[in-house]
């Protein structure tokens, strides 16, 4: 199991980079020591993998476009494939540790269009109404699924047949989740959330052009939307304005540069699209609680570079 203290994202997007040991077996087990992350949150992102998790300790808020759920120690959940989501650690004294199974749906489905895919996998991963599943240990049926998720982390990678065993464990978990989702799947199928794809497209545009001046008109035009629609889809999916997201992304890049490089602070601001040093210092402090110099000293003194 990998120990992680932060996430990596694909260049130019906020699709999470998943370091599978081999593309021939797209599965990753990890232990996220959340209090060791540079920030108490993971920003909006997505991935085409399924995210199954168990909260070993602490509390973690999950946000999706239409949900906000607090997961406490002993609870578990699933984030569906390609769903925009972010997380926020509840800042308590207790360490927050999250165990995660990350896997490509093909691991269970096999060949695209197979009977298993059509009958059990695609109905869930294509259901726009299923963004986030929350499992509580206080509900007997859900407690059984939680125990399956937790127990699967105890499988040894060195044991003969590990790949078979982990796929079997994930299949058992999936059947439990499939049964829980049955009422939702019986509802009239919702249309694909095309607006979510528009938001992702605009996020990618921002990630590629954050060092430049970005107008809402340019941003909206990049995905063939009107300015009014641009504001609407950002508010509906990310619960912020386009300008808020541009500013937050620039601060994320600045944090990374300050912690991982010796680039002069003025140049950091310029590189992040904020060429006014006083403005950069103001918005950085508002966002992080530190001046850029204090932030650099804090993280480089901890050798997190």
Foldseek 3Di string as FASTA:
>chain_A
DAEDQDWDADQLFQATDDPDVDPVFFKDKYKYFQVSHLAQKFDKHFYQWKKKKAKQAAWKWKDFLPDIDIDHHGKIKIFAHGTIMMMGGDDDPDTTMMIIMIGHLCLQVPDPPDPCCVPQNVLQNQQPVPGMGIADCVDPLSVVLSCLVVVLVPQDPPDPPNSVVSSVSVVVSSVSVSVVCVVVSPPDGDDGPVLSVLVRQLNSVLSVQQLADDDLCNSQVSSVHHSVVQQVSCCSTVVDGPVVVSLVVLLVQLLCCLQPHPPDSCVSCNSRNRNPSVVQQVSNCVVPVDGSVVSSCVRVVVVPD
